[in-house]
Amino acid sequence: MIILTIVLFVFLLIGVFFNGLGSVGLLRFPDVYTRLHATTKCTTFGSIFTSLSVIIFSIYFWKTSGNPKFGVLTIHTFVALVCLIITNPTGSHAIARAAHRSGVMPKQAVIDELKEANLK
């Protein structure tokens, strides 16, 4: 039980740390592209670890108590995790593409490969 508690706390700490890094990146980075990069990478990784800790917690209590609600929690968390892994990068890509098409340029980019590709 103590090892399970340690693993849960480590997973939660990793998740909170990376979600916090994503928030700091959102506040500190200069333009929409770097902000999207920071928030998408960090929050996806942080949410994976947070969801894994919920899954481990619910599986343990499902096995020990026999309560089927913990099994439902496991399934719901897993489905939410899969949806998050699919939609988070897709959404950030769509936002970055829309920003580029609307004329928002990166502040410190040297080469704009998308602009060169659209000219051809």
PDB file of N, CA and C in Angstrom:
ATOM      1  N   MET A   1       0.820  -1.202   0.000  1.00  0.00           N
ATOM      2  CA  MET A   1       0.000   0.000   0.000  1.00  0.00           C
ATOM      3  C   MET A   1       0.858   1.258   0.000  1.00  0.00           C
ATOM      4  N   ILE A   2       1.970   1.237   0.734  1.00  0.00           N
ATOM      5  CA  ILE A   2       2.824   2.422   0.812  1.00  0.00           C
ATOM      6  C   ILE A   2       3.505   2.685  -0.535  1.00  0.00           C
ATOM      7  N   ILE A   3       3.840   1.628  -1.256  1.00  0.00           N
ATOM      8  CA  ILE A   3       4.465   1.803  -2.573  1.00  0.00           C
ATOM      9  C   ILE A   3       3.459   2.398  -3.555  1.00  0.00           C
ATOM     10  N   LEU A   4       2.218   1.931  -3.472  1.00  0.00           N
ATOM     11  CA  LEU A   4       1.164   2.480  -4.326  1.00  0.00           C
ATOM     12  C   LEU A   4       0.954   3.964  -4.044  1.00  0.00           C
ATOM     13  N   THR A   5       0.962   4.330  -2.779  1.00  0.00           N
ATOM     14  CA  THR A   5       0.794   5.735  -2.407  1.00  0.00           C
ATOM     15  C   THR A   5       1.939   6.584  -2.935  1.00  0.00           C
ATOM     16  N   ILE A   6       3.145   6.063  -2.847  1.00  0.00           N
ATOM     17  CA  ILE A   6       4.312   6.794  -3.356  1.00  0.00           C
ATOM     18  C   ILE A   6       4.214   6.973  -4.864  1.00  0.00           C
ATOM     19  N   VAL A   7       3.833   5.914  -5.573  1.00  0.00           N
ATOM     20  CA  VAL A   7       3.690   5.999  -7.034  1.00  0.00           C
ATOM     21  C   VAL A   7       2.611   7.008  -7.411  1.00  0.00           C
ATOM     22  N   LEU A   8       1.496   6.986  -6.688  1.00  0.00           N
ATOM     23  CA  LEU A   8       0.418   7.936  -6.973  1.00  0.00           C
ATOM     24  C   LEU A   8       0.871   9.374  -6.755  1.00  0.00           C
ATOM     25  N   PHE A   9       1.575   9.618  -5.650  1.00  0.00           N
ATOM     26  CA  PHE A   9       2.051  10.969  -5.385  1.00  0.00           C
ATOM     27  C   PHE A   9       3.096  11.414  -6.398  1.00  0.00           C
ATOM     28  N   VAL A  10       3.967  10.501  -6.822  1.00  0.00           N
ATOM     29  CA  VAL A  10       4.970  10.856  -7.834  1.00  0.00           C
ATOM     30  C   VAL A  10       4.284  11.203  -9.152  1.00  0.00           C
ATOM     31  N   PHE A  11       3.314  10.395  -9.564  1.00  0.00           N
ATOM     32  CA  PHE A  11       2.594  10.683 -10.808  1.00  0.00           C
ATOM     33  C   PHE A  11       1.843  12.007 -10.714  1.00  0.00           C
ATOM     34  N   LEU A  12       1.209  12.247  -9.569  1.00  0.00           N
ATOM     35  CA  LEU A  12       0.499  13.512  -9.399  1.00  0.00           C
ATOM     36  C   LEU A  12       1.454  14.708  -9.401  1.00  0.00           C
ATOM     37  N   LEU A  13       2.598  14.558  -8.759  1.00  0.00           N
ATOM     38  CA  LEU A  13       3.574  15.650  -8.745  1.00  0.00           C
ATOM     39  C   LEU A  13       4.126  15.927 -10.144  1.00  0.00           C
ATOM     40  N   ILE A  14       4.396  14.881 -10.905  1.00  0.00           N
ATOM     41  CA  ILE A  14       4.857  15.074 -12.286  1.00  0.00           C
ATOM     42  C   ILE A  14       3.780  15.779 -13.096  1.00  0.00           C
ATOM     43  N   GLY A  15       2.539  15.350 -12.948  1.00  0.00           N
ATOM     44  CA  GLY A  15       1.430  15.973 -13.678  1.00  0.00           C
ATOM     45  C   GLY A  15       1.243  17.432 -13.318  1.00  0.00           C
ATOM     46  N   VAL A  16       1.258  17.736 -12.030  1.00  0.00           N
ATOM     47  CA  VAL A  16       1.090  19.126 -11.596  1.00  0.00           C
ATOM     48  C   VAL A  16       2.277  19.977 -12.038  1.00  0.00           C
ATOM     49  N   PHE A  17       3.487  19.424 -11.977  1.00  0.00           N
ATOM     50  CA  PHE A  17       4.673  20.158 -12.399  1.00  0.00           C
ATOM     51  C   PHE A  17       4.596  20.552 -13.870  1.00  0.00           C
ATOM     52  N   PHE A  18       4.259  19.602 -14.724  1.00  0.00           N
ATOM     53  CA  PHE A  18       4.216  19.913 -16.151  1.00  0.00           C
ATOM     54  C   PHE A  18       3.026  20.802 -16.513  1.00  0.00           C
ATOM     55  N   ASN A  19       1.904  20.629 -15.844  1.00  0.00           N
ATOM     56  CA  ASN A  19       0.783  21.558 -16.085  1.00  0.00           C
ATOM     57  C   ASN A  19       1.150  22.967 -15.636  1.00  0.00           C
ATOM     58  N   GLY A  20       1.890  23.074 -14.546  1.00  0.00           N
ATOM     59  CA  GLY A  20       2.373  24.387 -14.102  1.00  0.00           C
ATOM     60  C   GLY A  20       3.358  24.993 -15.087  1.00  0.00           C
ATOM     61  N   LEU A  21       4.244  24.161 -15.646  1.00  0.00           N
ATOM     62  CA  LEU A  21       5.175  24.652 -16.667  1.00  0.00           C
ATOM     63  C   LEU A  21       4.432  25.168 -17.893  1.00  0.00           C
ATOM     64  N   GLY A  22       3.370  24.489 -18.275  1.00  0.00           N
ATOM     65  CA  GLY A  22       2.560  24.962 -19.396  1.00  0.00           C
ATOM     66  C   GLY A  22       1.935  26.316 -19.109  1.00  0.00           C
ATOM     67  N   SER A  23       1.506  26.519 -17.881  1.00  0.00           N
ATOM     68  CA  SER A  23       0.933  27.820 -17.504  1.00  0.00           C
ATOM     69  C   SER A  23       1.985  28.921 -17.527  1.00  0.00           C
ATOM     70  N   VAL A  24       3.173  28.604 -17.043  1.00  0.00           N
ATOM     71  CA  VAL A  24       4.263  29.587 -17.078  1.00  0.00           C
ATOM     72  C   VAL A  24       4.639  29.908 -18.520  1.00  0.00           C
ATOM     73  N   GLY A  25       4.693  28.893 -19.375  1.00  0.00           N
ATOM     74  CA  GLY A  25       4.993  29.115 -20.788  1.00  0.00           C
ATOM     75  C   GLY A  25       3.951  29.977 -21.469  1.00  0.00           C
ATOM     76  N   LEU A  26       2.703  29.802 -21.087  1.00  0.00           N
ATOM     77  CA  LEU A  26       1.635  30.625 -21.648  1.00  0.00           C
ATOM     78  C   LEU A  26       1.810  32.089 -21.277  1.00  0.00           C
ATOM     79  N   LEU A  27       2.286  32.341 -20.090  1.00  0.00           N
ATOM     80  CA  LEU A  27       2.468  33.719 -19.637  1.00  0.00           C
ATOM     81  C   LEU A  27       3.772  34.344 -20.135  1.00  0.00           C
ATOM     82  N   ARG A  28       4.814  33.554 -20.313  1.00  0.00           N
ATOM     83  CA  ARG A  28       6.136  34.108 -20.560  1.00  0.00           C
ATOM     84  C   ARG A  28       6.548  34.191 -22.034  1.00  0.00           C
ATOM     85  N   PHE A  29       6.047  33.310 -22.880  1.00  0.00           N
ATOM     86  CA  PHE A  29       6.531  33.278 -24.253  1.00  0.00           C
ATOM     87  C   PHE A  29       5.939  34.415 -25.081  1.00  0.00           C
ATOM     88  N   PRO A  30       6.657  34.859 -26.129  1.00  0.00           N
ATOM     89  CA  PRO A  30       6.308  36.109 -26.797  1.00  0.00           C
ATOM     90  C   PRO A  30       5.160  36.046 -27.804  1.00  0.00           C
ATOM     91  N   ASP A  31       4.990  34.944 -28.502  1.00  0.00           N
ATOM     92  CA  ASP A  31       3.971  34.939 -29.556  1.00  0.00           C
ATOM     93  C   ASP A  31       3.092  33.693 -29.454  1.00  0.00           C
ATOM     94  N   VAL A  32       2.084  33.654 -30.327  1.00  0.00           N
ATOM     95  CA  VAL A  32       1.072  32.603 -30.253  1.00  0.00           C
ATOM     96  C   VAL A  32       1.672  31.227 -30.531  1.00  0.00           C
ATOM     97  N   TYR A  33       2.680  31.143 -31.368  1.00  0.00           N
ATOM     98  CA  TYR A  33       3.239  29.847 -31.751  1.00  0.00           C
ATOM     99  C   TYR A  33       4.034  29.217 -30.618  1.00  0.00           C
ATOM    100  N   THR A  34       4.866  30.000 -29.958  1.00  0.00           N
ATOM    101  CA  THR A  34       5.636  29.454 -28.840  1.00  0.00           C
ATOM    102  C   THR A  34       4.733  29.191 -27.636  1.00  0.00           C
ATOM    103  N   ARG A  35       3.709  29.999 -27.464  1.00  0.00           N
ATOM    104  CA  ARG A  35       2.753  29.742 -26.376  1.00  0.00           C
ATOM    105  C   ARG A  35       1.991  28.443 -26.615  1.00  0.00           C
ATOM    106  N   LEU A  36       1.581  28.228 -27.857  1.00  0.00           N
ATOM    107  CA  LEU A  36       0.898  26.973 -28.187  1.00  0.00           C
ATOM    108  C   LEU A  36       1.808  25.777 -27.963  1.00  0.00           C
ATOM    109  N   HIS A  37       3.065  25.924 -28.340  1.00  0.00           N
ATOM    110  CA  HIS A  37       4.017  24.830 -28.173  1.00  0.00           C
ATOM    111  C   HIS A  37       4.163  24.490 -26.695  1.00  0.00           C
ATOM    112  N   ALA A  38       4.349  25.502 -25.865  1.00  0.00           N
ATOM    113  CA  ALA A  38       4.547  25.260 -24.435  1.00  0.00           C
ATOM    114  C   ALA A  38       3.314  24.641 -23.792  1.00  0.00           C
ATOM    115  N   THR A  39       2.162  25.216 -24.075  1.00  0.00           N
ATOM    116  CA  THR A  39       0.957  24.721 -23.410  1.00  0.00           C
ATOM    117  C   THR A  39       0.559  23.334 -23.898  1.00  0.00           C
ATOM    118  N   THR A  40       0.691  23.083 -25.193  1.00  0.00           N
ATOM    119  CA  THR A  40       0.273  21.783 -25.715  1.00  0.00           C
ATOM    120  C   THR A  40       1.171  20.671 -25.216  1.00  0.00           C
ATOM    121  N   LYS A  41       2.464  20.848 -25.330  1.00  0.00           N
ATOM    122  CA  LYS A  41       3.387  19.788 -24.903  1.00  0.00           C
ATOM    123  C   LYS A  41       3.281  19.529 -23.406  1.00  0.00           C
ATOM    124  N   CYS A  42       3.339  20.593 -22.633  1.00  0.00           N
ATOM    125  CA  CYS A  42       3.369  20.425 -21.177  1.00  0.00           C
ATOM    126  C   CYS A  42       2.043  19.928 -20.622  1.00  0.00           C
ATOM    127  N   THR A  43       0.949  20.488 -21.066  1.00  0.00           N
ATOM    128  CA  THR A  43      -0.329  20.059 -20.492  1.00  0.00           C
ATOM    129  C   THR A  43      -0.726  18.658 -20.946  1.00  0.00           C
ATOM    130  N   THR A  44      -0.343  18.284 -22.151  1.00  0.00           N
ATOM    131  CA  THR A  44      -0.612  16.913 -22.576  1.00  0.00           C
ATOM    132  C   THR A  44       0.161  15.934 -21.707  1.00  0.00           C
ATOM    133  N   PHE A  45       1.453  16.195 -21.520  1.00  0.00           N
ATOM    134  CA  PHE A  45       2.291  15.315 -20.707  1.00  0.00           C
ATOM    135  C   PHE A  45       1.821  15.311 -19.259  1.00  0.00           C
ATOM    136  N   GLY A  46       1.515  16.473 -18.720  1.00  0.00           N
ATOM    137  CA  GLY A  46       1.039  16.543 -17.344  1.00  0.00           C
ATOM    138  C   GLY A  46      -0.293  15.855 -17.151  1.00  0.00           C
ATOM    139  N   SER A  47      -1.182  16.002 -18.105  1.00  0.00           N
ATOM    140  CA  SER A  47      -2.496  15.365 -18.000  1.00  0.00           C
ATOM    141  C   SER A  47      -2.401  13.847 -18.139  1.00  0.00           C
ATOM    142  N   ILE A  48      -1.429  13.373 -18.903  1.00  0.00           N
ATOM    143  CA  ILE A  48      -1.219  11.923 -19.006  1.00  0.00           C
ATOM    144  C   ILE A  48      -0.862  11.357 -17.635  1.00  0.00           C
ATOM    145  N   PHE A  49       0.067  11.993 -16.944  1.00  0.00           N
ATOM    146  CA  PHE A  49       0.467  11.479 -15.635  1.00  0.00           C
ATOM    147  C   PHE A  49      -0.633  11.634 -14.590  1.00  0.00           C
ATOM    148  N   THR A  50      -1.373  12.727 -14.646  1.00  0.00           N
ATOM    149  CA  THR A  50      -2.479  12.899 -13.713  1.00  0.00           C
ATOM    150  C   THR A  50      -3.555  11.841 -13.960  1.00  0.00           C
ATOM    151  N   SER A  51      -3.861  11.584 -15.208  1.00  0.00           N
ATOM    152  CA  SER A  51      -4.869  10.562 -15.531  1.00  0.00           C
ATOM    153  C   SER A  51      -4.374   9.165 -15.162  1.00  0.00           C
ATOM    154  N   LEU A  52      -3.089   8.898 -15.364  1.00  0.00           N
ATOM    155  CA  LEU A  52      -2.550   7.597 -14.969  1.00  0.00           C
ATOM    156  C   LEU A  52      -2.654   7.383 -13.465  1.00  0.00           C
ATOM    157  N   SER A  53      -2.449   8.442 -12.693  1.00  0.00           N
ATOM    158  CA  SER A  53      -2.592   8.286 -11.246  1.00  0.00           C
ATOM    159  C   SER A  53      -4.047   7.995 -10.863  1.00  0.00           C
ATOM    160  N   VAL A  54      -4.997   8.617 -11.542  1.00  0.00           N
ATOM    161  CA  VAL A  54      -6.416   8.332 -11.271  1.00  0.00           C
ATOM    162  C   VAL A  54      -6.748   6.898 -11.674  1.00  0.00           C
ATOM    163  N   ILE A  55      -6.212   6.441 -12.797  1.00  0.00           N
ATOM    164  CA  ILE A  55      -6.473   5.071 -13.246  1.00  0.00           C
ATOM    165  C   ILE A  55      -5.896   4.061 -12.253  1.00  0.00           C
ATOM    166  N   ILE A  56      -4.667   4.263 -11.803  1.00  0.00           N
ATOM    167  CA  ILE A  56      -4.059   3.348 -10.841  1.00  0.00           C
ATOM    168  C   ILE A  56      -4.848   3.341  -9.532  1.00  0.00           C
ATOM    169  N   PHE A  57      -5.227   4.529  -9.074  1.00  0.00           N
ATOM    170  CA  PHE A  57      -6.010   4.647  -7.847  1.00  0.00           C
ATOM    171  C   PHE A  57      -7.331   3.899  -7.962  1.00  0.00           C
ATOM    172  N   SER A  58      -8.029   4.094  -9.071  1.00  0.00           N
ATOM    173  CA  SER A  58      -9.348   3.460  -9.213  1.00  0.00           C
ATOM    174  C   SER A  58      -9.235   1.951  -9.405  1.00  0.00           C
ATOM    175  N   ILE A  59      -8.197   1.484 -10.091  1.00  0.00           N
ATOM    176  CA  ILE A  59      -8.019   0.033 -10.244  1.00  0.00           C
ATOM    177  C   ILE A  59      -7.739  -0.605  -8.890  1.00  0.00           C
ATOM    178  N   TYR A  60      -6.906   0.040  -8.092  1.00  0.00           N
ATOM    179  CA  TYR A  60      -6.598  -0.513  -6.771  1.00  0.00           C
ATOM    180  C   TYR A  60      -7.855  -0.618  -5.910  1.00  0.00           C
ATOM    181  N   PHE A  61      -8.638   0.448  -5.852  1.00  0.00           N
ATOM    182  CA  PHE A  61      -9.827   0.403  -5.017  1.00  0.00           C
ATOM    183  C   PHE A  61     -10.933  -0.451  -5.622  1.00  0.00           C
ATOM    184  N   TRP A  62     -10.908  -0.620  -6.917  1.00  0.00           N
ATOM    185  CA  TRP A  62     -11.872  -1.525  -7.550  1.00  0.00           C
ATOM    186  C   TRP A  62     -11.567  -2.965  -7.138  1.00  0.00           C
ATOM    187  N   LYS A  63     -10.274  -3.325  -7.140  1.00  0.00           N
ATOM    188  CA  LYS A  63      -9.886  -4.691  -6.773  1.00  0.00           C
ATOM    189  C   LYS A  63     -10.086  -4.958  -5.285  1.00  0.00           C
ATOM    190  N   THR A  64      -9.807  -3.964  -4.443  1.00  0.00           N
ATOM    191  CA  THR A  64      -9.907  -4.212  -3.004  1.00  0.00           C
ATOM    192  C   THR A  64     -11.341  -4.121  -2.484  1.00  0.00           C
ATOM    193  N   SER A  65     -12.138  -3.212  -3.003  1.00  0.00           N
ATOM    194  CA  SER A  65     -13.495  -3.043  -2.462  1.00  0.00           C
ATOM    195  C   SER A  65     -14.550  -3.807  -3.256  1.00  0.00           C
ATOM    196  N   GLY A  66     -14.287  -4.063  -4.516  1.00  0.00           N
ATOM    197  CA  GLY A  66     -15.268  -4.742  -5.349  1.00  0.00           C
ATOM    198  C   GLY A  66     -16.391  -3.840  -5.827  1.00  0.00           C
ATOM    199  N   ASN A  67     -16.275  -2.559  -5.556  1.00  0.00           N
ATOM    200  CA  ASN A  67     -17.305  -1.599  -5.959  1.00  0.00           C
ATOM    201  C   ASN A  67     -17.179  -1.342  -7.469  1.00  0.00           C
ATOM    202  N   PRO A  68     -18.230  -1.572  -8.246  1.00  0.00           N
ATOM    203  CA  PRO A  68     -18.119  -1.380  -9.700  1.00  0.00           C
ATOM    204  C   PRO A  68     -17.976   0.074 -10.120  1.00  0.00           C
ATOM    205  N   LYS A  69     -18.228   1.027  -9.225  1.00  0.00           N
ATOM    206  CA  LYS A  69     -18.070   2.434  -9.581  1.00  0.00           C
ATOM    207  C   LYS A  69     -16.610   2.764  -9.885  1.00  0.00           C
ATOM    208  N   PHE A  70     -15.682   2.088  -9.230  1.00  0.00           N
ATOM    209  CA  PHE A  70     -14.274   2.336  -9.498  1.00  0.00           C
ATOM    210  C   PHE A  70     -13.870   1.808 -10.871  1.00  0.00           C
ATOM    211  N   GLY A  71     -14.512   0.730 -11.332  1.00  0.00           N
ATOM    212  CA  GLY A  71     -14.266   0.230 -12.686  1.00  0.00           C
ATOM    213  C   GLY A  71     -14.767   1.208 -13.735  1.00  0.00           C
ATOM    214  N   VAL A  72     -15.913   1.809 -13.473  1.00  0.00           N
ATOM    215  CA  VAL A  72     -16.454   2.822 -14.381  1.00  0.00           C
ATOM    216  C   VAL A  72     -15.541   4.040 -14.413  1.00  0.00           C
ATOM    217  N   LEU A  73     -15.006   4.424 -13.249  1.00  0.00           N
ATOM    218  CA  LEU A  73     -14.066   5.540 -13.183  1.00  0.00           C
ATOM    219  C   LEU A  73     -12.812   5.252 -14.003  1.00  0.00           C
ATOM    220  N   THR A  74     -12.330   4.031 -13.951  1.00  0.00           N
ATOM    221  CA  THR A  74     -11.163   3.643 -14.742  1.00  0.00           C
ATOM    222  C   THR A  74     -11.441   3.787 -16.227  1.00  0.00           C
ATOM    223  N   ILE A  75     -12.572   3.288 -16.658  1.00  0.00           N
ATOM    224  CA  ILE A  75     -12.916   3.346 -18.086  1.00  0.00           C
ATOM    225  C   ILE A  75     -13.105   4.791 -18.538  1.00  0.00           C
ATOM    226  N   HIS A  76     -13.792   5.581 -17.744  1.00  0.00           N
ATOM    227  CA  HIS A  76     -14.035   6.985 -18.102  1.00  0.00           C
ATOM    228  C   HIS A  76     -12.729   7.770 -18.176  1.00  0.00           C
ATOM    229  N   THR A  77     -11.846   7.528 -17.232  1.00  0.00           N
ATOM    230  CA  THR A  77     -10.564   8.233 -17.240  1.00  0.00           C
ATOM    231  C   THR A  77      -9.727   7.821 -18.442  1.00  0.00           C
ATOM    232  N   PHE A  78      -9.754   6.536 -18.776  1.00  0.00           N
ATOM    233  CA  PHE A  78      -8.995   6.079 -19.943  1.00  0.00           C
ATOM    234  C   PHE A  78      -9.545   6.686 -21.232  1.00  0.00           C
ATOM    235  N   VAL A  79     -10.859   6.728 -21.368  1.00  0.00           N
ATOM    236  CA  VAL A  79     -11.468   7.335 -22.566  1.00  0.00           C
ATOM    237  C   VAL A  79     -11.134   8.826 -22.638  1.00  0.00           C
ATOM    238  N   ALA A  80     -11.188   9.511 -21.507  1.00  0.00           N
ATOM    239  CA  ALA A  80     -10.842  10.936 -21.484  1.00  0.00           C
ATOM    240  C   ALA A  80      -9.378  11.140 -21.839  1.00  0.00           C
ATOM    241  N   LEU A  81      -8.511  10.253 -21.388  1.00  0.00           N
ATOM    242  CA  LEU A  81      -7.088  10.353 -21.706  1.00  0.00           C
ATOM    243  C   LEU A  81      -6.845  10.165 -23.200  1.00  0.00           C
ATOM    244  N   VAL A  82      -7.501   9.200 -23.803  1.00  0.00           N
ATOM    245  CA  VAL A  82      -7.346   8.978 -25.250  1.00  0.00           C
ATOM    246  C   VAL A  82      -7.864  10.189 -26.027  1.00  0.00           C
ATOM    247  N   CYS A  83      -8.989  10.721 -25.626  1.00  0.00           N
ATOM    248  CA  CYS A  83      -9.526  11.912 -26.300  1.00  0.00           C
ATOM    249  C   CYS A  83      -8.587  13.101 -26.150  1.00  0.00           C
ATOM    250  N   LEU A  84      -8.008  13.259 -24.981  1.00  0.00           N
ATOM    251  CA  LEU A  84      -7.072  14.350 -24.752  1.00  0.00           C
ATOM    252  C   LEU A  84      -5.826  14.205 -25.619  1.00  0.00           C
ATOM    253  N   ILE A  85      -5.315  12.999 -25.719  1.00  0.00           N
ATOM    254  CA  ILE A  85      -4.112  12.764 -26.518  1.00  0.00           C
ATOM    255  C   ILE A  85      -4.377  13.042 -27.992  1.00  0.00           C
ATOM    256  N   ILE A  86      -5.583  12.780 -28.450  1.00  0.00           N
ATOM    257  CA  ILE A  86      -5.915  13.020 -29.858  1.00  0.00           C
ATOM    258  C   ILE A  86      -6.245  14.493 -30.116  1.00  0.00           C
ATOM    259  N   THR A  87      -7.045  15.095 -29.265  1.00  0.00           N
ATOM    260  CA  THR A  87      -7.564  16.432 -29.566  1.00  0.00           C
ATOM    261  C   THR A  87      -6.620  17.575 -29.210  1.00  0.00           C
ATOM    262  N   ASN A  88      -5.757  17.394 -28.225  1.00  0.00           N
ATOM    263  CA  ASN A  88      -4.883  18.489 -27.822  1.00  0.00           C
ATOM    264  C   ASN A  88      -3.897  18.882 -28.932  1.00  0.00           C
ATOM    265  N   PRO A  89      -3.142  17.961 -29.513  1.00  0.00           N
ATOM    266  CA  PRO A  89      -2.259  18.362 -30.620  1.00  0.00           C
ATOM    267  C   PRO A  89      -3.020  18.810 -31.868  1.00  0.00           C
ATOM    268  N   THR A  90      -4.161  18.174 -32.135  1.00  0.00           N
ATOM    269  CA  THR A  90      -4.944  18.552 -33.305  1.00  0.00           C
ATOM    270  C   THR A  90      -5.486  19.969 -33.163  1.00  0.00           C
ATOM    271  N   GLY A  91      -5.982  20.295 -32.000  1.00  0.00           N
ATOM    272  CA  GLY A  91      -6.501  21.642 -31.760  1.00  0.00           C
ATOM    273  C   GLY A  91      -5.422  22.701 -31.827  1.00  0.00           C
ATOM    274  N   SER A  92      -4.258  22.413 -31.265  1.00  0.00           N
ATOM    275  CA  SER A  92      -3.184  23.409 -31.320  1.00  0.00           C
ATOM    276  C   SER A  92      -2.672  23.594 -32.746  1.00  0.00           C
ATOM    277  N   HIS A  93      -2.665  22.522 -33.518  1.00  0.00           N
ATOM    278  CA  HIS A  93      -2.280  22.655 -34.924  1.00  0.00           C
ATOM    279  C   HIS A  93      -3.277  23.532 -35.678  1.00  0.00           C
ATOM    280  N   ALA A  94      -4.555  23.330 -35.423  1.00  0.00           N
ATOM    281  CA  ALA A  94      -5.579  24.142 -36.087  1.00  0.00           C
ATOM    282  C   ALA A  94      -5.471  25.614 -35.679  1.00  0.00           C
ATOM    283  N   ILE A  95      -5.196  25.878 -34.405  1.00  0.00           N
ATOM    284  CA  ILE A  95      -5.039  27.257 -33.949  1.00  0.00           C
ATOM    285  C   ILE A  95      -3.812  27.898 -34.586  1.00  0.00           C
ATOM    286  N   ALA A  96      -2.710  27.171 -34.644  1.00  0.00           N
ATOM    287  CA  ALA A  96      -1.493  27.716 -35.256  1.00  0.00           C
ATOM    288  C   ALA A  96      -1.692  27.963 -36.747  1.00  0.00           C
ATOM    289  N   ARG A  97      -2.360  27.068 -37.414  1.00  0.00           N
ATOM    290  CA  ARG A  97      -2.615  27.260 -38.847  1.00  0.00           C
ATOM    291  C   ARG A  97      -3.532  28.453 -39.096  1.00  0.00           C
ATOM    292  N   ALA A  98      -4.553  28.605 -38.266  1.00  0.00           N
ATOM    293  CA  ALA A  98      -5.455  29.752 -38.397  1.00  0.00           C
ATOM    294  C   ALA A  98      -4.728  31.059 -38.107  1.00  0.00           C
ATOM    295  N   ALA A  99      -3.844  31.045 -37.122  1.00  0.00           N
ATOM    296  CA  ALA A  99      -3.063  32.250 -36.820  1.00  0.00           C
ATOM    297  C   ALA A  99      -2.151  32.603 -37.983  1.00  0.00           C
ATOM    298  N   HIS A 100      -1.537  31.611 -38.596  1.00  0.00           N
ATOM    299  CA  HIS A 100      -0.648  31.884 -39.732  1.00  0.00           C
ATOM    300  C   HIS A 100      -1.441  32.389 -40.926  1.00  0.00           C
ATOM    301  N   ARG A 101      -2.585  31.789 -41.183  1.00  0.00           N
ATOM    302  CA  ARG A 101      -3.396  32.232 -42.324  1.00  0.00           C
ATOM    303  C   ARG A 101      -3.984  33.617 -42.113  1.00  0.00           C
ATOM    304  N   SER A 102      -4.187  34.017 -40.870  1.00  0.00           N
ATOM    305  CA  SER A 102      -4.726  35.352 -40.618  1.00  0.00           C
ATOM    306  C   SER A 102      -3.638  36.422 -40.577  1.00  0.00           C
ATOM    307  N   GLY A 103      -2.397  36.003 -40.761  1.00  0.00           N
ATOM    308  CA  GLY A 103      -1.316  36.970 -40.873  1.00  0.00           C
ATOM    309  C   GLY A 103      -0.493  37.198 -39.626  1.00  0.00           C
ATOM    310  N   VAL A 104      -0.722  36.441 -38.583  1.00  0.00           N
ATOM    311  CA  VAL A 104       0.083  36.576 -37.368  1.00  0.00           C
ATOM    312  C   VAL A 104       1.423  35.906 -37.615  1.00  0.00           C
ATOM    313  N   MET A 105       2.482  36.689 -37.581  1.00  0.00           N
ATOM    314  CA  MET A 105       3.822  36.160 -37.840  1.00  0.00           C
ATOM    315  C   MET A 105       4.558  35.893 -36.531  1.00  0.00           C
ATOM    316  N   PRO A 106       5.426  34.896 -36.546  1.00  0.00           N
ATOM    317  CA  PRO A 106       6.257  34.666 -35.363  1.00  0.00           C
ATOM    318  C   PRO A 106       7.200  35.846 -35.140  1.00  0.00           C
ATOM    319  N   LYS A 107       7.474  36.156 -33.874  1.00  0.00           N
ATOM    320  CA  LYS A 107       8.281  37.334 -33.573  1.00  0.00           C
ATOM    321  C   LYS A 107       9.757  37.126 -33.832  1.00  0.00           C
ATOM    322  N   GLN A 108      10.260  35.910 -33.663  1.00  0.00           N
ATOM    323  CA  GLN A 108      11.697  35.693 -33.780  1.00  0.00           C
ATOM    324  C   GLN A 108      12.055  34.640 -34.813  1.00  0.00           C
ATOM    325  N   ALA A 109      11.159  34.360 -35.744  1.00  0.00           N
ATOM    326  CA  ALA A 109      11.440  33.338 -36.754  1.00  0.00           C
ATOM    327  C   ALA A 109      12.365  33.888 -37.825  1.00  0.00           C
ATOM    328  N   VAL A 110      13.277  33.051 -38.273  1.00  0.00           N
ATOM    329  CA  VAL A 110      14.203  33.439 -39.323  1.00  0.00           C
ATOM    330  C   VAL A 110      13.642  33.049 -40.684  1.00  0.00           C
ATOM    331  N   ILE A 111      13.071  31.860 -40.775  1.00  0.00           N
ATOM    332  CA  ILE A 111      12.535  31.344 -42.030  1.00  0.00           C
ATOM    333  C   ILE A 111      11.071  30.978 -41.825  1.00  0.00           C
ATOM    334  N   ASP A 112      10.231  31.405 -42.740  1.00  0.00           N
ATOM    335  CA  ASP A 112       8.818  31.045 -42.700  1.00  0.00           C
ATOM    336  C   ASP A 112       8.564  30.042 -43.820  1.00  0.00           C
ATOM    337  N   GLU A 113       8.668  28.759 -43.503  1.00  0.00           N
ATOM    338  CA  GLU A 113       8.523  27.727 -44.513  1.00  0.00           C
ATOM    339  C   GLU A 113       7.081  27.607 -45.005  1.00  0.00           C
ATOM    340  N   LEU A 114       6.111  27.918 -44.174  1.00  0.00           N
ATOM    341  CA  LEU A 114       4.721  27.866 -44.624  1.00  0.00           C
ATOM    342  C   LEU A 114       4.406  28.926 -45.660  1.00  0.00           C
ATOM    343  N   LYS A 115       4.989  30.099 -45.491  1.00  0.00           N
ATOM    344  CA  LYS A 115       4.772  31.153 -46.470  1.00  0.00           C
ATOM    345  C   LYS A 115       5.402  30.787 -47.806  1.00  0.00           C
ATOM    346  N   GLU A 116       6.593  30.191 -47.761  1.00  0.00           N
ATOM    347  CA  GLU A 116       7.245  29.750 -48.993  1.00  0.00           C
ATOM    348  C   GLU A 116       6.460  28.627 -49.663  1.00  0.00           C
ATOM    349  N   ALA A 117       5.863  27.734 -48.887  1.00  0.00           N
ATOM    350  CA  ALA A 117       5.097  26.623 -49.447  1.00  0.00           C
ATOM    351  C   ALA A 117       3.796  27.122 -50.078  1.00  0.00           C
ATOM    352  N   ASN A 118       3.202  28.175 -49.517  1.00  0.00           N
ATOM    353  CA  ASN A 118       1.950  28.691 -50.054  1.00  0.00           C
ATOM    354  C   ASN A 118       2.182  29.504 -51.328  1.00  0.00           C
ATOM    355  N   LEU A 119       3.381  29.999 -51.534  1.00  0.00           N
ATOM    356  CA  LEU A 119       3.668  30.751 -52.763  1.00  0.00           C
ATOM    357  C   LEU A 119       3.816  29.868 -53.970  1.00  0.00           C
ATOM    358  N   LYS A 120       4.180  28.626 -53.767  1.00  0.00           N
ATOM    359  CA  LYS A 120       4.421  27.733 -54.900  1.00  0.00           C
ATOM    360  C   LYS A 120       3.154  27.165 -55.473  1.00  0.00           C
TER     361      LYS A 120
END
